[in-house]
Amino acid sequence: MAVVARRTVTPPRTSAAPGGTPVTPAAPVALGLGLALLATVVWSGSFVASRALGDSVPPVQHAFWRWVVALAVVAPFGARRAWRQRALVRRHLGFVLLASLLGVTVYNTLVNQAGVTTPAANMGMIMAASPVLMAVFERAGGVRLGARRVAGLLVACAGVLLLVGGGAGFSAGDLWMIAAACCFGSYSALLRRRPAGLDGAGFLFTTFLCGTLMLLPAQGVSLAVQGGFRPEPDTLLPLLYVGVASSAVAFFAWTRAISLIGPSRAGVVYYLQPVCVALLSWALLAEPTGWAQAGCMALILGGVVLGAGARR
């Protein structure tokens, strides 16, 4: 594996507070938070789609065609940039392959496998554990999180734990979601170390391409063992959604958010995902919700507001 060079990120210009403490301009932070929120909301819909397709599209085939669609969407913007950066990609091939494996090949396949037996609301709640891993990885890298951000992280985490402990029965598929949460947390932390020079569109195209190629053997086995699926509106429309919105749009927004505000602050926003998933699964899949869930969601929202603010 090639040596991964720490990405050199040019920090936004800062001004000094009266006490000499640097103050980060509000505009990049607001943009980063907005992009993290966009990705979180869009990904919430992908959990509902995974659950809806659980009985009709095999998990590996779901993941494979998702990324084929995503490649087609990103290619007009990223293929030429990726080709221009081919020497840089070769130099950091180990980093690119690891990011492709975690964020493309493995993560979504695990989510789709979980969707066979796990309610969408459970999937969203378990995925809310990934911000904890993002914060742990960032702290291990020497980044000071600040008391306010840690407090927001803990408050939101408490809301998630209460939501899970309030009667959402666990199934065998939840183990797949736990693995997916670990995978996504690792991928998000890895993005912070993206080598300088790998721009967003070129990097996404490269990781989408590598991840799809790594899925090819599993796709062949799935077709041989499980057979294909019937291309009908009930299967094609969700696949288009996860391919265009959840892959191309959301991954670009999340990658940009990480570069602006870092994985720990973006991870706090990601705690909104169980709220979004619960509301979408209630509206689209008729999965039950109640006042206890609403109270826990309010707690999660409070933690997000607290932890997404300035580091103190």
C-alpha atoms as a PDB file:
ATOM      1  CA  MET A   1       0.000   0.000   0.000  1.00  0.00           C
ATOM      2  CA  ALA A   2       1.356   3.416  -0.867  1.00  0.00           C
ATOM      3  CA  VAL A   3       2.277   5.781   1.914  1.00  0.00           C
ATOM      4  CA  VAL A   4      -0.690   8.035   2.623  1.00  0.00           C
ATOM      5  CA  ALA A   5       0.287  11.662   2.698  1.00  0.00           C
ATOM      6  CA  ARG A   6      -1.629  13.865   5.054  1.00  0.00           C
ATOM      7  CA  ARG A   7      -3.754  16.186   3.046  1.00  0.00           C
ATOM      8  CA  THR A   8      -2.602  19.765   3.197  1.00  0.00           C
ATOM      9  CA  VAL A   9      -5.723  21.816   3.707  1.00  0.00           C
ATOM     10  CA  THR A  10      -5.376  25.562   3.389  1.00  0.00           C
ATOM     11  CA  PRO A  11      -7.344  26.880   6.341  1.00  0.00           C
ATOM     12  CA  PRO A  12      -9.756  29.725   5.825  1.00  0.00           C
ATOM     13  CA  ARG A  13      -8.501  33.129   6.809  1.00  0.00           C
ATOM     14  CA  THR A  14      -9.042  33.832  10.455  1.00  0.00           C
ATOM     15  CA  SER A  15      -9.224  36.937  12.556  1.00  0.00           C
ATOM     16  CA  ALA A  16      -8.056  37.252  16.128  1.00  0.00           C
ATOM     17  CA  ALA A  17     -10.438  37.627  19.023  1.00  0.00           C
ATOM     18  CA  PRO A  18      -9.587  40.166  21.751  1.00  0.00           C
ATOM     19  CA  GLY A  19      -7.827  37.441  23.702  1.00  0.00           C
ATOM     20  CA  GLY A  20      -5.732  36.408  20.731  1.00  0.00           C
ATOM     21  CA  THR A  21      -7.771  33.243  19.908  1.00  0.00           C
ATOM     22  CA  PRO A  22      -8.259  32.684  16.164  1.00  0.00           C
ATOM     23  CA  VAL A  23     -11.856  32.991  15.008  1.00  0.00           C
ATOM     24  CA  THR A  24     -12.956  30.952  11.982  1.00  0.00           C
ATOM     25  CA  PRO A  25     -15.155  32.889   9.532  1.00  0.00           C
ATOM     26  CA  ALA A  26     -18.797  31.912   9.731  1.00  0.00           C
ATOM     27  CA  ALA A  27     -19.336  31.428   5.979  1.00  0.00           C
ATOM     28  CA  PRO A  28     -17.191  28.275   5.455  1.00  0.00           C
ATOM     29  CA  VAL A  29     -18.604  26.746   8.650  1.00  0.00           C
ATOM     30  CA  ALA A  30     -22.179  27.466   7.578  1.00  0.00           C
ATOM     31  CA  LEU A  31     -21.504  26.002   4.137  1.00  0.00           C
ATOM     32  CA  GLY A  32     -19.917  22.902   5.654  1.00  0.00           C
ATOM     33  CA  LEU A  33     -22.835  22.387   8.035  1.00  0.00           C
ATOM     34  CA  GLY A  34     -25.314  22.874   5.193  1.00  0.00           C
ATOM     35  CA  LEU A  35     -23.541  20.329   3.004  1.00  0.00           C
ATOM     36  CA  ALA A  36     -23.342  17.833   5.875  1.00  0.00           C
ATOM     37  CA  LEU A  37     -27.084  18.310   6.450  1.00  0.00           C
ATOM     38  CA  LEU A  38     -27.831  17.816   2.747  1.00  0.00           C
ATOM     39  CA  ALA A  39     -25.862  14.563   2.669  1.00  0.00           C
ATOM     40  CA  THR A  40     -27.502  13.357   5.878  1.00  0.00           C
ATOM     41  CA  VAL A  41     -31.053  13.973   4.618  1.00  0.00           C
ATOM     42  CA  VAL A  42     -30.354  12.361   1.241  1.00  0.00           C
ATOM     43  CA  TRP A  43     -28.703   9.317   2.847  1.00  0.00           C
ATOM     44  CA  SER A  44     -31.713   8.930   5.125  1.00  0.00           C
ATOM     45  CA  GLY A  45     -33.775   8.235   2.034  1.00  0.00           C
ATOM     46  CA  SER A  46     -31.282   5.593   0.923  1.00  0.00           C
ATOM     47  CA  PHE A  47     -31.971   3.557   4.082  1.00  0.00           C
ATOM     48  CA  VAL A  48     -35.664   3.606   3.238  1.00  0.00           C
ATOM     49  CA  ALA A  49     -34.803   2.518  -0.321  1.00  0.00           C
ATOM     50  CA  SER A  50     -32.588  -0.308   0.985  1.00  0.00           C
ATOM     51  CA  ARG A  51     -35.422  -1.541   3.148  1.00  0.00           C
ATOM     52  CA  ALA A  52     -37.933  -1.246   0.300  1.00  0.00           C
ATOM     53  CA  LEU A  53     -35.690  -3.223  -2.073  1.00  0.00           C
ATOM     54  CA  GLY A  54     -34.706  -5.824   0.509  1.00  0.00           C
ATOM     55  CA  ASP A  55     -37.184  -8.412  -0.783  1.00  0.00           C
ATOM     56  CA  SER A  56     -36.753  -7.797  -4.522  1.00  0.00           C
ATOM     57  CA  VAL A  57     -33.100  -6.939  -5.264  1.00  0.00           C
ATOM     58  CA  PRO A  58     -30.187  -8.966  -3.830  1.00  0.00           C
ATOM     59  CA  PRO A  59     -27.931  -6.736  -1.664  1.00  0.00           C
ATOM     60  CA  VAL A  60     -24.804  -7.072  -3.815  1.00  0.00           C
ATOM     61  CA  GLN A  61     -26.720  -6.357  -7.034  1.00  0.00           C
ATOM     62  CA  HIS A  62     -28.347  -3.356  -5.353  1.00  0.00           C
ATOM     63  CA  ALA A  63     -24.905  -1.976  -4.464  1.00  0.00           C
ATOM     64  CA  PHE A  64     -23.412  -2.768  -7.887  1.00  0.00           C
ATOM     65  CA  TRP A  65     -26.094  -1.041  -9.936  1.00  0.00           C
ATOM     66  CA  ARG A  66     -26.171   1.875  -7.507  1.00  0.00           C
ATOM     67  CA  TRP A  67     -22.530   2.594  -8.273  1.00  0.00           C
ATOM     68  CA  VAL A  68     -22.911   2.004 -11.995  1.00  0.00           C
ATOM     69  CA  VAL A  69     -25.573   4.735 -12.013  1.00  0.00           C
ATOM     70  CA  ALA A  70     -23.393   6.967  -9.831  1.00  0.00           C
ATOM     71  CA  LEU A  71     -20.447   6.501 -12.206  1.00  0.00           C
ATOM     72  CA  ALA A  72     -22.585   7.545 -15.165  1.00  0.00           C
ATOM     73  CA  VAL A  73     -23.686  10.688 -13.305  1.00  0.00           C
ATOM     74  CA  VAL A  74     -20.217  11.699 -12.089  1.00  0.00           C
ATOM     75  CA  ALA A  75     -18.308  10.795 -15.291  1.00  0.00           C
ATOM     76  CA  PRO A  76     -19.072  14.035 -17.201  1.00  0.00           C
ATOM     77  CA  PHE A  77     -17.619  16.074 -14.311  1.00  0.00           C
ATOM     78  CA  GLY A  78     -14.957  13.802 -12.891  1.00  0.00           C
ATOM     79  CA  ALA A  79     -13.562  11.474 -15.570  1.00  0.00           C
ATOM     80  CA  ARG A  80     -11.386  14.079 -17.272  1.00  0.00           C
ATOM     81  CA  ARG A  81     -10.125  15.421 -13.941  1.00  0.00           C
ATOM     82  CA  ALA A  82      -9.315  11.919 -12.754  1.00  0.00           C
ATOM     83  CA  TRP A  83      -7.357  11.260 -15.965  1.00  0.00           C
ATOM     84  CA  ARG A  84      -5.369  14.466 -15.501  1.00  0.00           C
ATOM     85  CA  GLN A  85      -4.536  13.382 -11.963  1.00  0.00           C
ATOM     86  CA  ARG A  86      -3.622   9.800 -12.863  1.00  0.00           C
ATOM     87  CA  ALA A  87      -0.001  10.216 -11.747  1.00  0.00           C
ATOM     88  CA  LEU A  88      -1.170  11.507  -8.363  1.00  0.00           C
ATOM     89  CA  VAL A  89      -3.674   8.648  -8.093  1.00  0.00           C
ATOM     90  CA  ARG A  90      -0.938   6.106  -8.768  1.00  0.00           C
ATOM     91  CA  ARG A  91       1.278   7.756  -6.150  1.00  0.00           C
ATOM     92  CA  HIS A  92      -1.460   7.443  -3.537  1.00  0.00           C
ATOM     93  CA  LEU A  93      -3.063   4.261  -4.849  1.00  0.00           C
ATOM     94  CA  GLY A  94      -3.192   2.663  -1.403  1.00  0.00           C
ATOM     95  CA  PHE A  95      -5.238   5.559  -0.026  1.00  0.00           C
ATOM     96  CA  VAL A  96      -7.569   5.569  -3.034  1.00  0.00           C
ATOM     97  CA  LEU A  97      -8.182   1.816  -2.854  1.00  0.00           C
ATOM     98  CA  LEU A  98      -8.818   1.908   0.887  1.00  0.00           C
ATOM     99  CA  ALA A  99     -11.298   4.788   0.511  1.00  0.00           C
ATOM    100  CA  SER A 100     -13.002   2.921  -2.356  1.00  0.00           C
ATOM    101  CA  LEU A 101     -13.225  -0.281  -0.342  1.00  0.00           C
ATOM    102  CA  LEU A 102     -14.647   1.351   2.792  1.00  0.00           C
ATOM    103  CA  GLY A 103     -16.931   3.972   1.243  1.00  0.00           C
ATOM    104  CA  VAL A 104     -18.131   2.218  -1.920  1.00  0.00           C
ATOM    105  CA  THR A 105     -17.601  -1.539  -2.011  1.00  0.00           C
ATOM    106  CA  VAL A 106     -18.246  -2.567   1.593  1.00  0.00           C
ATOM    107  CA  TYR A 107     -20.340   0.119   3.291  1.00  0.00           C
ATOM    108  CA  ASN A 108     -23.381   0.129   1.032  1.00  0.00           C
ATOM    109  CA  THR A 109     -23.322  -3.626   0.558  1.00  0.00           C
ATOM    110  CA  LEU A 110     -23.546  -4.019   4.346  1.00  0.00           C
ATOM    111  CA  VAL A 111     -26.412  -1.516   4.486  1.00  0.00           C
ATOM    112  CA  ASN A 112     -28.297  -3.384   1.769  1.00  0.00           C
ATOM    113  CA  GLN A 113     -27.726  -6.703   3.533  1.00  0.00           C
ATOM    114  CA  ALA A 114     -29.115  -5.210   6.741  1.00  0.00           C
ATOM    115  CA  GLY A 115     -32.157  -3.919   4.864  1.00  0.00           C
ATOM    116  CA  VAL A 116     -33.273  -7.497   4.199  1.00  0.00           C
ATOM    117  CA  THR A 117     -34.251  -8.034   7.856  1.00  0.00           C
ATOM    118  CA  THR A 118     -33.889  -4.722   9.709  1.00  0.00           C
ATOM    119  CA  PRO A 119     -36.498  -1.918   9.799  1.00  0.00           C
ATOM    120  CA  ALA A 120     -35.314   1.336   8.235  1.00  0.00           C
ATOM    121  CA  ALA A 121     -35.693   3.190  11.557  1.00  0.00           C
ATOM    122  CA  ASN A 122     -33.333   0.735  13.236  1.00  0.00           C
ATOM    123  CA  MET A 123     -30.847   1.173  10.412  1.00  0.00           C
ATOM    124  CA  GLY A 124     -30.788   4.922  10.900  1.00  0.00           C
ATOM    125  CA  MET A 125     -30.437   4.651  14.669  1.00  0.00           C
ATOM    126  CA  ILE A 126     -27.521   2.230  14.489  1.00  0.00           C
ATOM    127  CA  MET A 127     -25.767   4.346  11.868  1.00  0.00           C
ATOM    128  CA  ALA A 128     -25.870   7.208  14.353  1.00  0.00           C
ATOM    129  CA  ALA A 129     -23.021   5.457  16.179  1.00  0.00           C
ATOM    130  CA  SER A 130     -20.620   6.396  13.372  1.00  0.00           C
ATOM    131  CA  PRO A 131     -20.118  10.030  14.541  1.00  0.00           C
ATOM    132  CA  VAL A 132     -18.601   8.664  17.749  1.00  0.00           C
ATOM    133  CA  LEU A 133     -16.001   6.845  15.657  1.00  0.00           C
ATOM    134  CA  MET A 134     -15.395   9.976  13.586  1.00  0.00           C
ATOM    135  CA  ALA A 135     -14.699  11.973  16.740  1.00  0.00           C
ATOM    136  CA  VAL A 136     -12.452   9.253  18.183  1.00  0.00           C
ATOM    137  CA  PHE A 137     -10.409   9.049  14.986  1.00  0.00           C
ATOM    138  CA  GLU A 138     -10.119  12.831  14.756  1.00  0.00           C
ATOM    139  CA  ARG A 139      -9.036  13.115  18.389  1.00  0.00           C
ATOM    140  CA  ALA A 140      -6.482  10.352  17.835  1.00  0.00           C
ATOM    141  CA  GLY A 141      -5.134  12.468  14.985  1.00  0.00           C
ATOM    142  CA  GLY A 142      -4.407  15.300  17.413  1.00  0.00           C
ATOM    143  CA  VAL A 143      -7.470  17.503  16.790  1.00  0.00           C
ATOM    144  CA  ARG A 144      -8.911  19.173  19.892  1.00  0.00           C
ATOM    145  CA  LEU A 145     -12.671  18.730  19.846  1.00  0.00           C
ATOM    146  CA  GLY A 146     -13.651  21.242  22.507  1.00  0.00           C
ATOM    147  CA  ALA A 147     -16.036  20.872  25.444  1.00  0.00           C
ATOM    148  CA  ARG A 148     -19.123  22.123  23.593  1.00  0.00           C
ATOM    149  CA  ARG A 149     -18.698  19.715  20.704  1.00  0.00           C
ATOM    150  CA  VAL A 150     -18.075  16.779  23.027  1.00  0.00           C
ATOM    151  CA  ALA A 151     -21.154  17.747  25.069  1.00  0.00           C
ATOM    152  CA  GLY A 152     -23.301  17.919  21.937  1.00  0.00           C
ATOM    153  CA  LEU A 153     -21.947  14.560  20.828  1.00  0.00           C
ATOM    154  CA  LEU A 154     -22.855  12.984  24.174  1.00  0.00           C
ATOM    155  CA  VAL A 155     -26.337  14.542  24.289  1.00  0.00           C
ATOM    156  CA  ALA A 156     -27.148  13.361  20.762  1.00  0.00           C
ATOM    157  CA  CYS A 157     -25.697   9.935  21.547  1.00  0.00           C
ATOM    158  CA  ALA A 158     -27.907   9.715  24.653  1.00  0.00           C
ATOM    159  CA  GLY A 159     -30.921  10.459  22.490  1.00  0.00           C
ATOM    160  CA  VAL A 160     -29.961   7.676  20.104  1.00  0.00           C
ATOM    161  CA  LEU A 161     -29.423   5.183  22.953  1.00  0.00           C
ATOM    162  CA  LEU A 162     -32.797   6.051  24.482  1.00  0.00           C
ATOM    163  CA  LEU A 163     -34.423   5.717  21.089  1.00  0.00           C
ATOM    164  CA  VAL A 164     -32.883   2.276  20.566  1.00  0.00           C
ATOM    165  CA  GLY A 165     -33.685   1.165  24.109  1.00  0.00           C
ATOM    166  CA  GLY A 166     -37.281   2.332  23.867  1.00  0.00           C
ATOM    167  CA  GLY A 167     -38.567  -0.811  22.251  1.00  0.00           C
ATOM    168  CA  ALA A 168     -37.001  -0.987  18.807  1.00  0.00           C
ATOM    169  CA  GLY A 169     -36.402  -4.709  18.729  1.00  0.00           C
ATOM    170  CA  PHE A 170     -33.064  -5.809  17.297  1.00  0.00           C
ATOM    171  CA  SER A 171     -32.739  -8.407  14.554  1.00  0.00           C
ATOM    172  CA  ALA A 172     -29.832 -10.329  13.085  1.00  0.00           C
ATOM    173  CA  GLY A 173     -29.517  -7.680  10.380  1.00  0.00           C
ATOM    174  CA  ASP A 174     -28.542  -5.104  12.995  1.00  0.00           C
ATOM    175  CA  LEU A 175     -25.116  -6.740  13.165  1.00  0.00           C
ATOM    176  CA  TRP A 176     -24.644  -5.848   9.504  1.00  0.00           C
ATOM    177  CA  MET A 177     -25.584  -2.246  10.331  1.00  0.00           C
ATOM    178  CA  ILE A 178     -23.099  -2.098  13.194  1.00  0.00           C
ATOM    179  CA  ALA A 179     -20.384  -3.189  10.765  1.00  0.00           C
ATOM    180  CA  ALA A 180     -21.622  -0.575   8.272  1.00  0.00           C
ATOM    181  CA  ALA A 181     -21.458   2.160  10.921  1.00  0.00           C
ATOM    182  CA  CYS A 182     -17.845   1.238  11.723  1.00  0.00           C
ATOM    183  CA  CYS A 183     -17.046   1.242   8.022  1.00  0.00           C
ATOM    184  CA  PHE A 184     -18.586   4.673   7.402  1.00  0.00           C
ATOM    185  CA  GLY A 185     -16.926   6.214  10.454  1.00  0.00           C
ATOM    186  CA  SER A 186     -13.550   4.963   9.248  1.00  0.00           C
ATOM    187  CA  TYR A 187     -14.210   6.251   5.727  1.00  0.00           C
ATOM    188  CA  SER A 188     -15.181   9.720   6.989  1.00  0.00           C
ATOM    189  CA  ALA A 189     -12.062   9.957   9.136  1.00  0.00           C
ATOM    190  CA  LEU A 190      -9.966   8.836   6.172  1.00  0.00           C
ATOM    191  CA  LEU A 191     -11.323  11.679   4.036  1.00  0.00           C
ATOM    192  CA  ARG A 192      -9.542  14.129   6.309  1.00  0.00           C
ATOM    193  CA  ARG A 193      -6.252  12.688   5.025  1.00  0.00           C
ATOM    194  CA  ARG A 194      -7.096  13.017   1.338  1.00  0.00           C
ATOM    195  CA  PRO A 195      -3.861  13.867  -0.511  1.00  0.00           C
ATOM    196  CA  ALA A 196      -3.484  17.441  -1.673  1.00  0.00           C
ATOM    197  CA  GLY A 197      -4.320  17.839  -5.360  1.00  0.00           C
ATOM    198  CA  LEU A 198      -7.062  15.209  -5.553  1.00  0.00           C
ATOM    199  CA  ASP A 199     -10.034  17.457  -6.297  1.00  0.00           C
ATOM    200  CA  GLY A 200     -13.572  16.495  -5.308  1.00  0.00           C
ATOM    201  CA  ALA A 201     -15.058  15.387  -8.642  1.00  0.00           C
ATOM    202  CA  GLY A 202     -11.933  13.520  -9.770  1.00  0.00           C
ATOM    203  CA  PHE A 203     -11.577  11.812  -6.407  1.00  0.00           C
ATOM    204  CA  LEU A 204     -15.219  10.725  -6.378  1.00  0.00           C
ATOM    205  CA  PHE A 205     -15.033   9.331  -9.913  1.00  0.00           C
ATOM    206  CA  THR A 206     -11.865   7.411  -9.065  1.00  0.00           C
ATOM    207  CA  THR A 207     -13.255   5.896  -5.862  1.00  0.00           C
ATOM    208  CA  PHE A 208     -16.595   5.090  -7.516  1.00  0.00           C
ATOM    209  CA  LEU A 209     -14.782   3.342 -10.380  1.00  0.00           C
ATOM    210  CA  CYS A 210     -12.419   1.380  -8.129  1.00  0.00           C
ATOM    211  CA  GLY A 211     -15.208   0.430  -5.722  1.00  0.00           C
ATOM    212  CA  THR A 212     -17.455  -0.778  -8.548  1.00  0.00           C
ATOM    213  CA  LEU A 213     -14.643  -2.870 -10.030  1.00  0.00           C
ATOM    214  CA  MET A 214     -14.042  -4.448  -6.613  1.00  0.00           C
ATOM    215  CA  LEU A 215     -17.742  -5.359  -6.521  1.00  0.00           C
ATOM    216  CA  LEU A 216     -17.595  -7.215  -9.852  1.00  0.00           C
ATOM    217  CA  PRO A 217     -16.606 -10.646  -8.446  1.00  0.00           C
ATOM    218  CA  ALA A 218     -19.381 -10.523  -5.832  1.00  0.00           C
ATOM    219  CA  GLN A 219     -21.826  -9.365  -8.518  1.00  0.00           C
ATOM    220  CA  GLY A 220     -20.959 -12.394 -10.641  1.00  0.00           C
ATOM    221  CA  VAL A 221     -21.444 -14.762  -7.712  1.00  0.00           C
ATOM    222  CA  SER A 222     -24.776 -13.141  -6.822  1.00  0.00           C
ATOM    223  CA  LEU A 223     -26.073 -13.486 -10.371  1.00  0.00           C
ATOM    224  CA  ALA A 224     -25.011 -17.127 -10.516  1.00  0.00           C
ATOM    225  CA  VAL A 225     -26.476 -18.077  -7.140  1.00  0.00           C
ATOM    226  CA  GLN A 226     -29.465 -15.748  -6.679  1.00  0.00           C
ATOM    227  CA  GLY A 227     -30.322 -14.817 -10.256  1.00  0.00           C
ATOM    228  CA  GLY A 228     -31.145 -11.319 -11.442  1.00  0.00           C
ATOM    229  CA  PHE A 229     -34.061  -9.094 -10.479  1.00  0.00           C
ATOM    230  CA  ARG A 230     -37.022  -7.913 -12.506  1.00  0.00           C
ATOM    231  CA  PRO A 231     -36.498  -4.319 -13.806  1.00  0.00           C
ATOM    232  CA  GLU A 232     -39.795  -2.687 -12.840  1.00  0.00           C
ATOM    233  CA  PRO A 233     -40.636   0.849 -11.660  1.00  0.00           C
ATOM    234  CA  ASP A 234     -40.685  -0.358  -8.034  1.00  0.00           C
ATOM    235  CA  THR A 235     -37.047  -1.431  -8.369  1.00  0.00           C
ATOM    236  CA  LEU A 236     -35.637   0.993 -10.947  1.00  0.00           C
ATOM    237  CA  LEU A 237     -36.827   4.218  -9.295  1.00  0.00           C
ATOM    238  CA  PRO A 238     -35.208   3.453  -5.898  1.00  0.00           C
ATOM    239  CA  LEU A 239     -32.018   2.391  -7.696  1.00  0.00           C
ATOM    240  CA  LEU A 240     -31.977   5.690  -9.590  1.00  0.00           C
ATOM    241  CA  TYR A 241     -32.448   7.557  -6.319  1.00  0.00           C
ATOM    242  CA  VAL A 242     -29.585   5.822  -4.527  1.00  0.00           C
ATOM    243  CA  GLY A 243     -27.390   6.074  -7.618  1.00  0.00           C
ATOM    244  CA  VAL A 244     -27.954   9.762  -8.376  1.00  0.00           C
ATOM    245  CA  ALA A 245     -28.885  11.414  -5.077  1.00  0.00           C
ATOM    246  CA  SER A 246     -27.430   9.129  -2.395  1.00  0.00           C
ATOM    247  CA  SER A 247     -24.191   8.443  -4.258  1.00  0.00           C
ATOM    248  CA  ALA A 248     -23.236  11.263  -6.605  1.00  0.00           C
ATOM    249  CA  VAL A 249     -24.847  14.204  -4.779  1.00  0.00           C
ATOM    250  CA  ALA A 250     -24.538  13.102  -1.153  1.00  0.00           C
ATOM    251  CA  PHE A 251     -20.972  11.783  -1.379  1.00  0.00           C
ATOM    252  CA  PHE A 252     -19.780  14.993  -3.033  1.00  0.00           C
ATOM    253  CA  ALA A 253     -21.537  17.089  -0.375  1.00  0.00           C
ATOM    254  CA  TRP A 254     -20.124  14.975   2.467  1.00  0.00           C
ATOM    255  CA  THR A 255     -16.576  15.046   1.088  1.00  0.00           C
ATOM    256  CA  ARG A 256     -16.732  18.831   0.779  1.00  0.00           C
ATOM    257  CA  ALA A 257     -18.229  19.175   4.260  1.00  0.00           C
ATOM    258  CA  ILE A 258     -15.390  17.137   5.778  1.00  0.00           C
ATOM    259  CA  SER A 259     -12.832  19.418   4.119  1.00  0.00           C
ATOM    260  CA  LEU A 260     -14.564  22.524   5.508  1.00  0.00           C
ATOM    261  CA  ILE A 261     -15.520  21.578   9.063  1.00  0.00           C
ATOM    262  CA  GLY A 262     -13.838  18.238   9.785  1.00  0.00           C
ATOM    263  CA  PRO A 263     -15.369  14.828  10.548  1.00  0.00           C
ATOM    264  CA  SER A 264     -16.308  15.450  14.199  1.00  0.00           C
ATOM    265  CA  ARG A 265     -18.474  18.518  13.538  1.00  0.00           C
ATOM    266  CA  ALA A 266     -19.978  16.931  10.414  1.00  0.00           C
ATOM    267  CA  GLY A 267     -20.572  13.823  12.524  1.00  0.00           C
ATOM    268  CA  VAL A 268     -22.686  15.809  14.969  1.00  0.00           C
ATOM    269  CA  VAL A 269     -24.953  16.860  12.091  1.00  0.00           C
ATOM    270  CA  TYR A 270     -25.065  13.217  10.999  1.00  0.00           C
ATOM    271  CA  TYR A 271     -26.896  12.457  14.249  1.00  0.00           C
ATOM    272  CA  LEU A 272     -29.997  13.903  12.583  1.00  0.00           C
ATOM    273  CA  GLN A 273     -30.118  10.829  10.373  1.00  0.00           C
ATOM    274  CA  PRO A 274     -32.192   8.613  12.710  1.00  0.00           C
ATOM    275  CA  VAL A 275     -34.721  11.443  12.978  1.00  0.00           C
ATOM    276  CA  CYS A 276     -34.955  11.765   9.192  1.00  0.00           C
ATOM    277  CA  VAL A 277     -35.069   8.000   8.658  1.00  0.00           C
ATOM    278  CA  ALA A 278     -37.781   7.534  11.286  1.00  0.00           C
ATOM    279  CA  LEU A 279     -39.941  10.229   9.691  1.00  0.00           C
ATOM    280  CA  LEU A 280     -39.415   8.896   6.158  1.00  0.00           C
ATOM    281  CA  SER A 281     -40.014   5.270   7.155  1.00  0.00           C
ATOM    282  CA  TRP A 282     -43.198   6.330   8.963  1.00  0.00           C
ATOM    283  CA  ALA A 283     -44.426   8.301   5.931  1.00  0.00           C
ATOM    284  CA  LEU A 284     -43.345   5.911   3.151  1.00  0.00           C
ATOM    285  CA  LEU A 285     -43.201   2.443   4.738  1.00  0.00           C
ATOM    286  CA  ALA A 286     -45.810   2.849   7.502  1.00  0.00           C
ATOM    287  CA  GLU A 287     -43.271   1.862  10.174  1.00  0.00           C
ATOM    288  CA  PRO A 288     -44.646   2.865  13.597  1.00  0.00           C
ATOM    289  CA  THR A 289     -43.439   5.836  15.668  1.00  0.00           C
ATOM    290  CA  GLY A 290     -44.721   7.495  18.836  1.00  0.00           C
ATOM    291  CA  TRP A 291     -44.257  10.214  21.451  1.00  0.00           C
ATOM    292  CA  ALA A 292     -41.275   8.477  23.055  1.00  0.00           C
ATOM    293  CA  GLN A 293     -39.463   8.467  19.722  1.00  0.00           C
ATOM    294  CA  ALA A 294     -40.389  12.122  19.205  1.00  0.00           C
ATOM    295  CA  GLY A 295     -38.885  13.042  22.588  1.00  0.00           C
ATOM    296  CA  CYS A 296     -35.660  11.210  21.782  1.00  0.00           C
ATOM    297  CA  MET A 297     -35.525  12.914  18.410  1.00  0.00           C
ATOM    298  CA  ALA A 298     -35.810  16.300  20.157  1.00  0.00           C
ATOM    299  CA  LEU A 299     -32.880  15.312  22.374  1.00  0.00           C
ATOM    300  CA  ILE A 300     -30.855  14.369  19.306  1.00  0.00           C
ATOM    301  CA  LEU A 301     -31.702  17.690  17.645  1.00  0.00           C
ATOM    302  CA  GLY A 302     -30.617  19.584  20.766  1.00  0.00           C
ATOM    303  CA  GLY A 303     -27.297  17.773  20.771  1.00  0.00           C
ATOM    304  CA  VAL A 304     -26.777  18.605  17.108  1.00  0.00           C
ATOM    305  CA  VAL A 305     -27.426  22.295  17.712  1.00  0.00           C
ATOM    306  CA  LEU A 306     -25.082  22.301  20.701  1.00  0.00           C
ATOM    307  CA  GLY A 307     -22.252  20.379  19.074  1.00  0.00           C
ATOM    308  CA  ALA A 308     -22.355  21.989  15.641  1.00  0.00           C
ATOM    309  CA  GLY A 309     -21.481  25.409  17.022  1.00  0.00           C
ATOM    310  CA  ALA A 310     -18.066  26.941  17.428  1.00  0.00           C
ATOM    311  CA  ARG A 311     -15.391  24.910  19.237  1.00  0.00           C
ATOM    312  CA  ARG A 312     -15.061  25.957  22.860  1.00  0.00           C
END
